[in-house]
Amino acid sequence: MDAKEIIARRVAQEIAPGSLVNLGIGLPSLVASFVPVERGVFFQAENGVIGLGARPPEGMEDPDLTDAGGGFVTAVPGAASIDSVMSFGLIRGGHLDVTVLGGLQVDARGLLANWMVPGHMVPGMGGAMDLVAGARRVIVAMQHTARGKPKIVARCTLPLTALRPVSLIVTELAVIRPEADGLHLLECGPGVTPEAVQAATEAPLILSGGIREMTL
């Protein structure tokens, strides 16, 4: 099991039955593959789809069915197509139960930077700022380091996505919950020790009792 699958499987456990969930592009989109259909979860995309299904088999792609990143998807029974105004009304109106987003950095305050790297061309911020501000829970699904450098830092050096702290951070090494007093380490990845998690993390972690190993 590679790092991305570990993260996606663990995040899927956070999705409650009957939820309306937005999945960001890239790694977060993998979460849908590990949420059982019988859980009755509806996945939403900013471009105007409620009821996203899995990626279609090769050759069965429909150019009218894509997620917000342009990736091909399917639609589950009961899915709806809506315009961007209604889609962002759901997000900004606080109707999303959960959003799962990728991250470039998360800092000791739980603040997320995920929409641009200065000096690099980007098409725009997409819905990231609205999602972090509007969803009831914000889960960051990202790999713990990038090119050997920690992505969980003392303070973000990249432009912040929003001033609201995220609800949970899930990496292949750990599950971490930001709180007012700092970042609480809740779980370690398979075969990973709390000491190894801290060594790969720039921000200090609060190690309370009862740190568990992830169950996948």
N, C-alpha and C. Protein backbone atom coordinates (compact mmCIF):
# COMPACT_ATOMS: atom_id res chain seq x y z
N MET A 1 0.85 -1.19 0.00
CA MET A 1 0.00 0.00 0.00
C MET A 1 0.89 1.25 0.00
N ASP A 2 0.71 2.11 -1.02
CA ASP A 2 1.57 3.29 -1.08
C ASP A 2 1.00 4.41 -0.20
N ALA A 3 1.76 5.52 -0.10
CA ALA A 3 1.39 6.61 0.79
C ALA A 3 0.02 7.19 0.46
N LYS A 4 -0.27 7.38 -0.83
CA LYS A 4 -1.54 7.98 -1.22
C LYS A 4 -2.73 7.09 -0.83
N GLU A 5 -2.56 5.78 -0.98
CA GLU A 5 -3.66 4.89 -0.62
C GLU A 5 -3.88 4.88 0.88
N ILE A 6 -2.80 4.90 1.65
CA ILE A 6 -2.93 4.95 3.11
C ILE A 6 -3.74 6.19 3.50
N ILE A 7 -3.39 7.33 2.92
CA ILE A 7 -4.08 8.58 3.25
C ILE A 7 -5.55 8.50 2.85
N ALA A 8 -5.82 8.07 1.62
CA ALA A 8 -7.21 8.02 1.13
C ALA A 8 -8.07 7.07 1.97
N ARG A 9 -7.52 5.91 2.31
CA ARG A 9 -8.27 4.95 3.12
C ARG A 9 -8.59 5.52 4.50
N ARG A 10 -7.62 6.22 5.08
CA ARG A 10 -7.86 6.76 6.43
C ARG A 10 -8.87 7.92 6.40
N VAL A 11 -8.77 8.77 5.39
CA VAL A 11 -9.72 9.87 5.28
C VAL A 11 -11.13 9.34 5.07
N ALA A 12 -11.27 8.27 4.30
CA ALA A 12 -12.60 7.70 4.03
C ALA A 12 -13.32 7.33 5.33
N GLN A 13 -12.57 6.99 6.36
CA GLN A 13 -13.19 6.63 7.64
C GLN A 13 -13.84 7.84 8.32
N GLU A 14 -13.48 9.04 7.90
CA GLU A 14 -14.02 10.26 8.49
C GLU A 14 -15.34 10.69 7.85
N ILE A 15 -15.73 10.02 6.77
CA ILE A 15 -16.92 10.43 6.03
C ILE A 15 -18.15 9.71 6.59
N ALA A 16 -19.03 10.45 7.23
CA ALA A 16 -20.21 9.86 7.87
C ALA A 16 -21.29 9.53 6.84
N PRO A 17 -22.12 8.52 7.12
CA PRO A 17 -23.22 8.18 6.22
C PRO A 17 -24.11 9.39 5.93
N GLY A 18 -24.52 9.50 4.66
CA GLY A 18 -25.44 10.56 4.27
C GLY A 18 -24.81 11.93 4.11
N SER A 19 -23.49 12.01 4.14
CA SER A 19 -22.82 13.31 4.06
C SER A 19 -22.82 13.85 2.63
N LEU A 20 -22.73 15.18 2.54
CA LEU A 20 -22.46 15.88 1.28
C LEU A 20 -21.00 16.32 1.36
N VAL A 21 -20.18 15.82 0.44
CA VAL A 21 -18.72 15.95 0.57
C VAL A 21 -18.12 16.50 -0.71
N ASN A 22 -17.21 17.45 -0.56
CA ASN A 22 -16.43 17.96 -1.69
C ASN A 22 -15.03 17.38 -1.61
N LEU A 23 -14.55 16.83 -2.73
CA LEU A 23 -13.20 16.30 -2.80
C LEU A 23 -12.37 17.18 -3.71
N GLY A 24 -11.22 17.64 -3.22
CA GLY A 24 -10.31 18.42 -4.04
C GLY A 24 -9.68 17.55 -5.12
N ILE A 25 -9.00 18.22 -6.06
CA ILE A 25 -8.36 17.49 -7.15
C ILE A 25 -7.10 16.80 -6.64
N GLY A 26 -6.66 15.80 -7.39
CA GLY A 26 -5.45 15.07 -7.01
C GLY A 26 -5.73 14.02 -5.96
N LEU A 27 -4.87 13.94 -4.96
CA LEU A 27 -4.97 12.91 -3.92
C LEU A 27 -6.36 12.85 -3.27
N PRO A 28 -6.99 13.96 -2.90
CA PRO A 28 -8.31 13.86 -2.26
C PRO A 28 -9.35 13.12 -3.09
N SER A 29 -9.24 13.18 -4.42
CA SER A 29 -10.24 12.51 -5.26
C SER A 29 -10.20 10.99 -5.10
N LEU A 30 -9.10 10.45 -4.56
CA LEU A 30 -8.99 9.00 -4.36
C LEU A 30 -9.89 8.51 -3.23
N VAL A 31 -10.29 9.41 -2.36
CA VAL A 31 -11.08 9.02 -1.18
C VAL A 31 -12.37 8.33 -1.58
N ALA A 32 -13.00 8.78 -2.67
CA ALA A 32 -14.29 8.22 -3.09
C ALA A 32 -14.22 6.72 -3.33
N SER A 33 -13.05 6.22 -3.73
CA SER A 33 -12.89 4.79 -4.02
C SER A 33 -12.99 3.93 -2.77
N PHE A 34 -12.84 4.54 -1.58
CA PHE A 34 -12.81 3.77 -0.34
C PHE A 34 -14.01 4.06 0.58
N VAL A 35 -14.99 4.77 0.04
CA VAL A 35 -16.23 5.01 0.79
C VAL A 35 -17.29 4.07 0.24
N PRO A 36 -17.78 3.12 1.04
CA PRO A 36 -18.78 2.15 0.55
C PRO A 36 -20.03 2.83 0.02
N VAL A 37 -20.56 2.32 -1.07
CA VAL A 37 -21.76 2.89 -1.69
C VAL A 37 -22.93 2.92 -0.71
N GLU A 38 -23.03 1.87 0.10
CA GLU A 38 -24.17 1.78 1.04
C GLU A 38 -24.13 2.85 2.12
N ARG A 39 -23.03 3.59 2.20
CA ARG A 39 -22.95 4.68 3.19
C ARG A 39 -23.80 5.88 2.76
N GLY A 40 -24.23 5.91 1.50
CA GLY A 40 -25.13 6.96 1.03
C GLY A 40 -24.51 8.34 0.98
N VAL A 41 -23.20 8.42 0.69
CA VAL A 41 -22.50 9.70 0.61
C VAL A 41 -22.63 10.28 -0.79
N PHE A 42 -22.88 11.59 -0.88
CA PHE A 42 -22.90 12.28 -2.16
C PHE A 42 -21.69 13.19 -2.27
N PHE A 43 -20.94 13.01 -3.36
CA PHE A 43 -19.75 13.83 -3.58
C PHE A 43 -20.10 14.96 -4.54
N GLN A 44 -19.63 16.17 -4.19
CA GLN A 44 -19.94 17.37 -4.95
C GLN A 44 -18.67 17.96 -5.54
N ALA A 45 -18.79 18.57 -6.72
CA ALA A 45 -17.67 19.28 -7.33
C ALA A 45 -18.10 20.71 -7.64
N GLU A 46 -17.16 21.64 -7.50
CA GLU A 46 -17.48 23.05 -7.70
C GLU A 46 -18.04 23.36 -9.07
N ASN A 47 -17.67 22.56 -10.07
CA ASN A 47 -18.14 22.85 -11.43
C ASN A 47 -19.60 22.48 -11.66
N GLY A 48 -20.28 21.94 -10.65
CA GLY A 48 -21.71 21.78 -10.75
C GLY A 48 -22.23 20.37 -10.84
N VAL A 49 -21.65 19.45 -10.09
CA VAL A 49 -22.16 18.08 -10.05
C VAL A 49 -22.34 17.66 -8.59
N ILE A 50 -23.48 17.07 -8.29
CA ILE A 50 -23.69 16.43 -6.99
C ILE A 50 -23.97 14.96 -7.28
N GLY A 51 -23.14 14.07 -6.75
CA GLY A 51 -23.31 12.65 -7.02
C GLY A 51 -22.24 12.10 -7.93
N LEU A 52 -21.00 12.56 -7.68
CA LEU A 52 -19.87 12.04 -8.46
C LEU A 52 -19.63 10.57 -8.14
N GLY A 53 -19.35 9.80 -9.17
CA GLY A 53 -18.97 8.41 -8.99
C GLY A 53 -17.50 8.21 -9.29
N ALA A 54 -17.10 6.98 -9.42
CA ALA A 54 -15.69 6.64 -9.67
C ALA A 54 -15.29 7.03 -11.09
N ARG A 55 -14.00 6.98 -11.34
CA ARG A 55 -13.50 7.23 -12.68
C ARG A 55 -14.03 6.13 -13.62
N PRO A 56 -14.46 6.49 -14.84
CA PRO A 56 -15.02 5.49 -15.75
C PRO A 56 -13.94 4.60 -16.35
N PRO A 57 -14.31 3.41 -16.81
CA PRO A 57 -13.34 2.55 -17.50
C PRO A 57 -12.79 3.26 -18.74
N GLU A 58 -11.58 2.91 -19.10
CA GLU A 58 -10.96 3.53 -20.28
C GLU A 58 -11.83 3.30 -21.51
N GLY A 59 -12.07 4.37 -22.26
CA GLY A 59 -12.90 4.31 -23.44
C GLY A 59 -14.35 4.67 -23.19
N MET A 60 -14.74 4.79 -21.90
CA MET A 60 -16.12 5.12 -21.55
C MET A 60 -16.24 6.55 -21.00
N GLU A 61 -15.22 7.36 -21.19
CA GLU A 61 -15.23 8.72 -20.66
C GLU A 61 -16.28 9.58 -21.38
N ASP A 62 -16.95 10.43 -20.62
CA ASP A 62 -17.93 11.36 -21.18
C ASP A 62 -17.41 12.77 -20.93
N PRO A 63 -17.13 13.55 -21.99
CA PRO A 63 -16.57 14.89 -21.80
C PRO A 63 -17.48 15.84 -21.02
N ASP A 64 -18.76 15.48 -20.88
CA ASP A 64 -19.68 16.30 -20.10
C ASP A 64 -19.69 15.93 -18.62
N LEU A 65 -18.95 14.90 -18.25
CA LEU A 65 -18.90 14.47 -16.85
C LEU A 65 -17.46 14.53 -16.35
N THR A 66 -17.12 15.66 -15.73
CA THR A 66 -15.78 15.83 -15.17
C THR A 66 -15.88 16.44 -13.78
N ASP A 67 -14.80 16.26 -13.01
CA ASP A 67 -14.74 16.95 -11.73
C ASP A 67 -14.17 18.35 -11.95
N ALA A 68 -13.94 19.09 -10.84
CA ALA A 68 -13.49 20.47 -10.95
C ALA A 68 -12.09 20.59 -11.56
N GLY A 69 -11.32 19.52 -11.51
CA GLY A 69 -9.98 19.54 -12.10
C GLY A 69 -9.96 19.06 -13.53
N GLY A 70 -11.12 18.73 -14.09
CA GLY A 70 -11.18 18.26 -15.47
C GLY A 70 -11.02 16.76 -15.61
N GLY A 71 -10.92 16.03 -14.50
CA GLY A 71 -10.79 14.58 -14.55
C GLY A 71 -12.13 13.92 -14.84
N PHE A 72 -12.12 12.86 -15.62
CA PHE A 72 -13.36 12.17 -15.97
C PHE A 72 -13.92 11.43 -14.75
N VAL A 73 -15.25 11.50 -14.60
CA VAL A 73 -15.94 10.84 -13.50
C VAL A 73 -17.20 10.18 -14.04
N THR A 74 -17.88 9.46 -13.17
CA THR A 74 -19.21 8.95 -13.48
C THR A 74 -20.20 9.61 -12.55
N ALA A 75 -21.49 9.38 -12.80
CA ALA A 75 -22.54 9.91 -11.92
C ALA A 75 -23.31 8.74 -11.33
N VAL A 76 -23.59 8.82 -10.04
CA VAL A 76 -24.33 7.75 -9.36
C VAL A 76 -25.83 8.00 -9.53
N PRO A 77 -26.67 6.97 -9.34
CA PRO A 77 -28.12 7.18 -9.39
C PRO A 77 -28.55 8.28 -8.43
N GLY A 78 -29.36 9.21 -8.93
CA GLY A 78 -29.80 10.34 -8.10
C GLY A 78 -28.92 11.56 -8.23
N ALA A 79 -27.87 11.49 -9.05
CA ALA A 79 -26.97 12.63 -9.22
C ALA A 79 -27.69 13.79 -9.89
N ALA A 80 -27.18 14.99 -9.65
CA ALA A 80 -27.78 16.20 -10.22
C ALA A 80 -26.69 17.08 -10.82
N SER A 81 -27.06 17.74 -11.92
CA SER A 81 -26.18 18.74 -12.53
C SER A 81 -26.75 20.11 -12.21
N ILE A 82 -25.91 20.98 -11.65
CA ILE A 82 -26.36 22.32 -11.25
C ILE A 82 -25.39 23.35 -11.81
N ASP A 83 -25.79 24.62 -11.81
CA ASP A 83 -24.89 25.65 -12.32
C ASP A 83 -23.91 26.09 -11.23
N SER A 84 -22.91 26.88 -11.63
CA SER A 84 -21.87 27.30 -10.69
C SER A 84 -22.42 28.16 -9.56
N VAL A 85 -23.45 28.94 -9.86
CA VAL A 85 -24.03 29.80 -8.83
C VAL A 85 -24.58 28.95 -7.68
N MET A 86 -25.36 27.92 -8.02
CA MET A 86 -25.90 27.05 -6.97
C MET A 86 -24.80 26.25 -6.29
N SER A 87 -23.81 25.81 -7.08
CA SER A 87 -22.72 25.03 -6.52
C SER A 87 -21.97 25.82 -5.45
N PHE A 88 -21.64 27.07 -5.77
CA PHE A 88 -20.93 27.88 -4.78
C PHE A 88 -21.86 28.38 -3.69
N GLY A 89 -23.17 28.44 -3.98
CA GLY A 89 -24.12 28.75 -2.93
C GLY A 89 -24.14 27.67 -1.86
N LEU A 90 -24.02 26.41 -2.28
CA LEU A 90 -23.94 25.30 -1.32
C LEU A 90 -22.70 25.45 -0.44
N ILE A 91 -21.59 25.79 -1.09
CA ILE A 91 -20.32 25.90 -0.36
C ILE A 91 -20.34 27.10 0.58
N ARG A 92 -20.68 28.26 0.05
CA ARG A 92 -20.63 29.49 0.85
C ARG A 92 -21.75 29.55 1.89
N GLY A 93 -22.82 28.80 1.63
CA GLY A 93 -23.94 28.79 2.57
C GLY A 93 -23.77 27.82 3.72
N GLY A 94 -22.65 27.11 3.76
CA GLY A 94 -22.39 26.20 4.87
C GLY A 94 -23.13 24.88 4.78
N HIS A 95 -23.49 24.46 3.56
CA HIS A 95 -24.27 23.23 3.40
C HIS A 95 -23.41 21.98 3.19
N LEU A 96 -22.11 22.16 2.97
CA LEU A 96 -21.22 21.00 2.81
C LEU A 96 -20.84 20.45 4.17
N ASP A 97 -21.00 19.14 4.34
CA ASP A 97 -20.59 18.53 5.61
C ASP A 97 -19.07 18.47 5.74
N VAL A 98 -18.40 18.12 4.65
CA VAL A 98 -16.95 17.93 4.68
C VAL A 98 -16.35 18.36 3.35
N THR A 99 -15.18 18.96 3.40
CA THR A 99 -14.35 19.08 2.21
C THR A 99 -13.00 18.44 2.51
N VAL A 100 -12.48 17.72 1.53
CA VAL A 100 -11.15 17.10 1.65
C VAL A 100 -10.26 17.77 0.62
N LEU A 101 -9.20 18.42 1.09
CA LEU A 101 -8.33 19.20 0.22
C LEU A 101 -6.88 18.77 0.36
N GLY A 102 -6.13 18.94 -0.70
CA GLY A 102 -4.69 18.75 -0.63
C GLY A 102 -4.04 19.95 0.04
N GLY A 103 -2.76 19.81 0.35
CA GLY A 103 -2.07 20.92 1.01
C GLY A 103 -0.62 21.03 0.58
N LEU A 104 -0.16 22.27 0.49
CA LEU A 104 1.26 22.53 0.30
C LEU A 104 1.95 22.70 1.65
N GLN A 105 1.24 23.38 2.57
CA GLN A 105 1.73 23.55 3.94
C GLN A 105 0.52 23.66 4.87
N VAL A 106 0.68 23.17 6.10
CA VAL A 106 -0.22 23.47 7.21
C VAL A 106 0.67 23.84 8.37
N ASP A 107 0.29 24.90 9.10
CA ASP A 107 1.19 25.33 10.17
C ASP A 107 0.66 24.99 11.56
N ALA A 108 1.41 25.41 12.57
CA ALA A 108 1.11 25.06 13.95
C ALA A 108 -0.23 25.60 14.42
N ARG A 109 -0.76 26.59 13.70
CA ARG A 109 -2.08 27.16 14.04
C ARG A 109 -3.20 26.41 13.33
N GLY A 110 -2.83 25.46 12.45
CA GLY A 110 -3.83 24.76 11.67
C GLY A 110 -4.22 25.48 10.41
N LEU A 111 -3.48 26.51 10.04
CA LEU A 111 -3.80 27.27 8.83
C LEU A 111 -3.20 26.60 7.61
N LEU A 112 -3.96 26.62 6.53
CA LEU A 112 -3.62 25.90 5.31
C LEU A 112 -3.13 26.85 4.21
N ALA A 113 -2.10 26.40 3.50
CA ALA A 113 -1.65 27.06 2.27
C ALA A 113 -1.70 26.00 1.19
N ASN A 114 -2.58 26.19 0.19
CA ASN A 114 -2.68 25.12 -0.81
C ASN A 114 -3.01 25.61 -2.22
N TRP A 115 -2.96 26.93 -2.45
CA TRP A 115 -3.46 27.36 -3.75
C TRP A 115 -2.40 27.93 -4.70
N MET A 116 -1.24 28.33 -4.18
CA MET A 116 -0.22 28.82 -5.12
C MET A 116 1.15 28.82 -4.49
N VAL A 117 2.16 28.74 -5.37
CA VAL A 117 3.57 28.94 -4.99
C VAL A 117 4.02 30.20 -5.71
N PRO A 118 4.47 31.23 -4.99
CA PRO A 118 4.89 32.47 -5.65
C PRO A 118 5.92 32.21 -6.76
N GLY A 119 5.72 32.88 -7.87
CA GLY A 119 6.63 32.72 -9.00
C GLY A 119 6.23 31.63 -9.97
N HIS A 120 5.23 30.82 -9.60
CA HIS A 120 4.74 29.76 -10.48
C HIS A 120 3.38 30.14 -11.04
N MET A 121 3.17 29.86 -12.31
CA MET A 121 1.92 30.21 -12.96
C MET A 121 0.80 29.32 -12.44
N VAL A 122 -0.31 29.93 -12.02
CA VAL A 122 -1.48 29.16 -11.59
C VAL A 122 -2.71 29.72 -12.31
N PRO A 123 -3.69 28.86 -12.63
CA PRO A 123 -4.88 29.34 -13.34
C PRO A 123 -5.83 30.13 -12.44
N GLY A 124 -5.65 30.07 -11.13
CA GLY A 124 -6.53 30.75 -10.19
C GLY A 124 -6.67 29.92 -8.93
N MET A 125 -7.37 30.46 -7.95
CA MET A 125 -7.49 29.74 -6.68
C MET A 125 -8.59 28.72 -6.68
N GLY A 126 -9.39 28.65 -7.75
CA GLY A 126 -10.49 27.68 -7.78
C GLY A 126 -11.44 27.92 -6.62
N GLY A 127 -11.92 26.85 -6.01
CA GLY A 127 -12.87 26.99 -4.91
C GLY A 127 -12.24 26.83 -3.54
N ALA A 128 -10.90 26.74 -3.48
CA ALA A 128 -10.25 26.41 -2.21
C ALA A 128 -10.60 27.37 -1.09
N MET A 129 -10.56 28.66 -1.37
CA MET A 129 -10.81 29.65 -0.30
C MET A 129 -12.24 29.53 0.21
N ASP A 130 -13.19 29.36 -0.70
CA ASP A 130 -14.60 29.21 -0.30
C ASP A 130 -14.80 27.93 0.50
N LEU A 131 -14.14 26.85 0.07
CA LEU A 131 -14.31 25.57 0.74
C LEU A 131 -13.78 25.59 2.17
N VAL A 132 -12.62 26.16 2.37
CA VAL A 132 -12.05 26.21 3.73
C VAL A 132 -12.91 27.09 4.64
N ALA A 133 -13.48 28.15 4.08
CA ALA A 133 -14.30 29.06 4.88
C ALA A 133 -15.70 28.51 5.12
N GLY A 134 -16.24 27.70 4.16
CA GLY A 134 -17.65 27.36 4.22
C GLY A 134 -18.02 25.97 4.68
N ALA A 135 -17.15 24.98 4.46
CA ALA A 135 -17.51 23.60 4.83
C ALA A 135 -17.51 23.43 6.34
N ARG A 136 -18.36 22.53 6.84
CA ARG A 136 -18.43 22.31 8.28
C ARG A 136 -17.14 21.69 8.82
N ARG A 137 -16.57 20.74 8.07
CA ARG A 137 -15.28 20.16 8.45
C ARG A 137 -14.33 20.27 7.25
N VAL A 138 -13.09 20.59 7.53
CA VAL A 138 -12.06 20.69 6.50
C VAL A 138 -10.95 19.70 6.84
N ILE A 139 -10.81 18.68 5.99
CA ILE A 139 -9.77 17.67 6.20
C ILE A 139 -8.69 17.86 5.14
N VAL A 140 -7.46 17.98 5.59
CA VAL A 140 -6.33 18.08 4.66
C VAL A 140 -5.74 16.69 4.46
N ALA A 141 -5.69 16.26 3.22
CA ALA A 141 -5.11 14.96 2.86
C ALA A 141 -3.86 15.24 2.04
N MET A 142 -2.71 14.98 2.61
CA MET A 142 -1.46 15.29 1.91
C MET A 142 -0.34 14.39 2.42
N GLN A 143 0.69 14.24 1.60
CA GLN A 143 1.87 13.51 2.06
C GLN A 143 2.63 14.36 3.07
N HIS A 144 3.30 13.71 3.99
CA HIS A 144 3.85 14.40 5.15
C HIS A 144 5.02 15.33 4.79
N THR A 145 5.78 14.95 3.79
CA THR A 145 6.92 15.76 3.36
C THR A 145 6.91 15.91 1.84
N ALA A 146 7.67 16.87 1.36
CA ALA A 146 7.86 17.05 -0.09
C ALA A 146 9.34 17.26 -0.34
N ARG A 147 9.92 16.33 -1.11
CA ARG A 147 11.37 16.37 -1.39
C ARG A 147 12.19 16.44 -0.11
N GLY A 148 11.71 15.68 0.89
CA GLY A 148 12.43 15.59 2.16
C GLY A 148 12.18 16.73 3.12
N LYS A 149 11.37 17.73 2.74
CA LYS A 149 11.11 18.87 3.61
C LYS A 149 9.72 18.75 4.23
N PRO A 150 9.58 19.08 5.51
CA PRO A 150 8.27 18.98 6.17
C PRO A 150 7.24 19.90 5.52
N LYS A 151 6.00 19.40 5.44
CA LYS A 151 4.89 20.22 4.96
C LYS A 151 4.04 20.73 6.12
N ILE A 152 4.26 20.15 7.30
CA ILE A 152 3.61 20.66 8.51
C ILE A 152 4.65 21.50 9.22
N VAL A 153 4.47 22.82 9.16
CA VAL A 153 5.52 23.77 9.53
C VAL A 153 5.10 24.63 10.71
N ALA A 154 6.08 25.34 11.28
CA ALA A 154 5.77 26.22 12.40
C ALA A 154 4.86 27.36 11.96
N ARG A 155 5.15 27.92 10.79
CA ARG A 155 4.33 29.00 10.23
C ARG A 155 4.40 28.92 8.72
N CYS A 156 3.28 29.02 8.05
CA CYS A 156 3.27 28.91 6.59
C CYS A 156 4.09 30.02 5.96
N THR A 157 4.90 29.66 4.98
CA THR A 157 5.65 30.64 4.21
C THR A 157 5.00 30.89 2.86
N LEU A 158 4.05 30.05 2.49
CA LEU A 158 3.30 30.22 1.25
C LEU A 158 2.00 30.97 1.55
N PRO A 159 1.38 31.60 0.54
CA PRO A 159 0.14 32.36 0.78
C PRO A 159 -0.96 31.48 1.37
N LEU A 160 -1.59 31.99 2.42
CA LEU A 160 -2.65 31.24 3.10
C LEU A 160 -3.89 31.13 2.22
N THR A 161 -4.59 30.02 2.37
CA THR A 161 -5.85 29.82 1.66
C THR A 161 -6.99 30.51 2.39
N ALA A 162 -6.97 30.48 3.70
CA ALA A 162 -8.01 31.11 4.52
C ALA A 162 -7.45 31.33 5.92
N LEU A 163 -8.18 32.09 6.71
CA LEU A 163 -7.76 32.35 8.09
C LEU A 163 -8.48 31.45 9.09
N ARG A 164 -9.20 30.46 8.58
CA ARG A 164 -9.87 29.50 9.45
C ARG A 164 -9.01 28.25 9.56
N PRO A 165 -8.73 27.77 10.76
CA PRO A 165 -7.95 26.53 10.89
C PRO A 165 -8.70 25.33 10.32
N VAL A 166 -7.96 24.37 9.83
CA VAL A 166 -8.58 23.14 9.32
C VAL A 166 -8.97 22.25 10.50
N SER A 167 -9.80 21.25 10.21
CA SER A 167 -10.31 20.37 11.27
C SER A 167 -9.39 19.20 11.57
N LEU A 168 -8.74 18.66 10.51
CA LEU A 168 -7.94 17.45 10.67
C LEU A 168 -6.91 17.40 9.55
N ILE A 169 -5.75 16.84 9.88
CA ILE A 169 -4.68 16.63 8.89
C ILE A 169 -4.40 15.13 8.85
N VAL A 170 -4.45 14.56 7.65
CA VAL A 170 -4.17 13.13 7.50
C VAL A 170 -3.03 12.97 6.50
N THR A 171 -1.96 12.35 6.93
CA THR A 171 -0.83 12.02 6.06
C THR A 171 -0.57 10.52 6.16
N GLU A 172 0.42 10.04 5.40
CA GLU A 172 0.75 8.63 5.51
C GLU A 172 1.42 8.29 6.84
N LEU A 173 1.90 9.32 7.55
CA LEU A 173 2.59 9.10 8.83
C LEU A 173 1.71 9.34 10.05
N ALA A 174 0.65 10.14 9.89
CA ALA A 174 -0.06 10.56 11.10
C ALA A 174 -1.44 11.12 10.82
N VAL A 175 -2.26 11.11 11.88
CA VAL A 175 -3.51 11.86 11.93
C VAL A 175 -3.32 12.91 13.03
N ILE A 176 -3.50 14.17 12.66
CA ILE A 176 -3.21 15.29 13.56
C ILE A 176 -4.41 16.22 13.61
N ARG A 177 -4.79 16.63 14.83
CA ARG A 177 -5.92 17.55 14.98
C ARG A 177 -5.43 18.89 15.52
N PRO A 178 -5.60 19.96 14.74
CA PRO A 178 -5.25 21.30 15.25
C PRO A 178 -6.25 21.75 16.31
N GLU A 179 -5.74 22.25 17.41
CA GLU A 179 -6.58 22.84 18.46
C GLU A 179 -5.97 24.17 18.87
N ALA A 180 -6.62 24.86 19.77
CA ALA A 180 -6.16 26.20 20.16
C ALA A 180 -4.74 26.18 20.73
N ASP A 181 -4.38 25.08 21.39
CA ASP A 181 -3.05 25.01 22.02
C ASP A 181 -1.99 24.37 21.12
N GLY A 182 -2.35 24.00 19.90
CA GLY A 182 -1.35 23.42 18.99
C GLY A 182 -1.86 22.19 18.26
N LEU A 183 -0.93 21.43 17.71
CA LEU A 183 -1.25 20.27 16.89
C LEU A 183 -1.17 19.00 17.74
N HIS A 184 -2.30 18.31 17.86
CA HIS A 184 -2.36 17.09 18.67
C HIS A 184 -2.19 15.86 17.78
N LEU A 185 -1.21 15.05 18.09
CA LEU A 185 -0.99 13.80 17.37
C LEU A 185 -1.95 12.75 17.91
N LEU A 186 -2.85 12.28 17.04
CA LEU A 186 -3.86 11.30 17.45
C LEU A 186 -3.48 9.88 17.07
N GLU A 187 -2.94 9.72 15.85
CA GLU A 187 -2.62 8.39 15.34
C GLU A 187 -1.31 8.45 14.57
N CYS A 188 -0.61 7.32 14.57
CA CYS A 188 0.60 7.17 13.75
C CYS A 188 0.30 6.19 12.63
N GLY A 189 0.98 6.36 11.50
CA GLY A 189 0.82 5.45 10.38
C GLY A 189 1.32 4.06 10.72
N PRO A 190 1.02 3.08 9.88
CA PRO A 190 1.45 1.69 10.14
C PRO A 190 2.97 1.59 10.34
N GLY A 191 3.34 1.09 11.51
CA GLY A 191 4.75 0.89 11.80
C GLY A 191 5.54 2.16 12.10
N VAL A 192 4.85 3.28 12.28
CA VAL A 192 5.51 4.57 12.51
C VAL A 192 5.41 4.94 13.99
N THR A 193 6.48 5.44 14.57
CA THR A 193 6.48 5.85 15.97
C THR A 193 6.20 7.35 16.08
N PRO A 194 5.71 7.80 17.25
CA PRO A 194 5.52 9.24 17.44
C PRO A 194 6.80 10.03 17.24
N GLU A 195 7.93 9.44 17.63
CA GLU A 195 9.21 10.13 17.47
C GLU A 195 9.54 10.34 15.99
N ALA A 196 9.19 9.35 15.16
CA ALA A 196 9.44 9.47 13.72
C ALA A 196 8.54 10.53 13.11
N VAL A 197 7.30 10.62 13.58
CA VAL A 197 6.40 11.65 13.09
C VAL A 197 6.94 13.03 13.42
N GLN A 198 7.37 13.22 14.67
CA GLN A 198 7.91 14.52 15.06
C GLN A 198 9.17 14.88 14.28
N ALA A 199 10.00 13.89 14.00
CA ALA A 199 11.23 14.14 13.25
C ALA A 199 10.94 14.62 11.83
N ALA A 200 9.78 14.25 11.30
CA ALA A 200 9.41 14.65 9.94
C ALA A 200 8.52 15.88 9.93
N THR A 201 8.33 16.48 11.11
CA THR A 201 7.40 17.60 11.27
C THR A 201 8.14 18.79 11.86
N GLU A 202 8.03 19.96 11.20
CA GLU A 202 8.71 21.15 11.73
C GLU A 202 7.98 21.70 12.95
N ALA A 203 6.66 21.75 12.89
CA ALA A 203 5.88 22.28 14.01
C ALA A 203 5.92 21.30 15.18
N PRO A 204 5.93 21.80 16.41
CA PRO A 204 5.90 20.89 17.56
C PRO A 204 4.55 20.20 17.65
N LEU A 205 4.57 18.92 18.01
CA LEU A 205 3.36 18.14 18.17
C LEU A 205 3.08 17.90 19.64
N ILE A 206 1.81 17.90 20.00
CA ILE A 206 1.40 17.60 21.37
C ILE A 206 1.06 16.12 21.43
N LEU A 207 1.82 15.39 22.23
CA LEU A 207 1.65 13.94 22.34
C LEU A 207 0.89 13.63 23.61
N SER A 208 -0.42 13.57 23.47
CA SER A 208 -1.26 13.20 24.61
C SER A 208 -1.26 11.68 24.74
N GLY A 209 -1.87 11.18 25.79
CA GLY A 209 -1.94 9.74 25.97
C GLY A 209 -2.86 9.09 24.95
N GLY A 210 -2.64 7.80 24.70
CA GLY A 210 -3.53 7.05 23.83
C GLY A 210 -3.34 7.25 22.36
N ILE A 211 -2.10 7.52 21.92
CA ILE A 211 -1.83 7.63 20.49
C ILE A 211 -1.95 6.23 19.88
N ARG A 212 -2.80 6.12 18.86
CA ARG A 212 -3.08 4.81 18.26
C ARG A 212 -2.33 4.65 16.94
N GLU A 213 -2.30 3.41 16.46
CA GLU A 213 -1.83 3.17 15.11
C GLU A 213 -3.05 3.18 14.18
N MET A 214 -2.90 3.77 13.01
CA MET A 214 -4.01 3.80 12.04
C MET A 214 -4.51 2.41 11.75
N THR A 215 -5.81 2.26 11.64
CA THR A 215 -6.40 1.01 11.15
C THR A 215 -6.94 1.29 9.76
N LEU A 216 -6.54 0.48 8.81
CA LEU A 216 -6.90 0.72 7.42
C LEU A 216 -7.71 -0.45 6.85
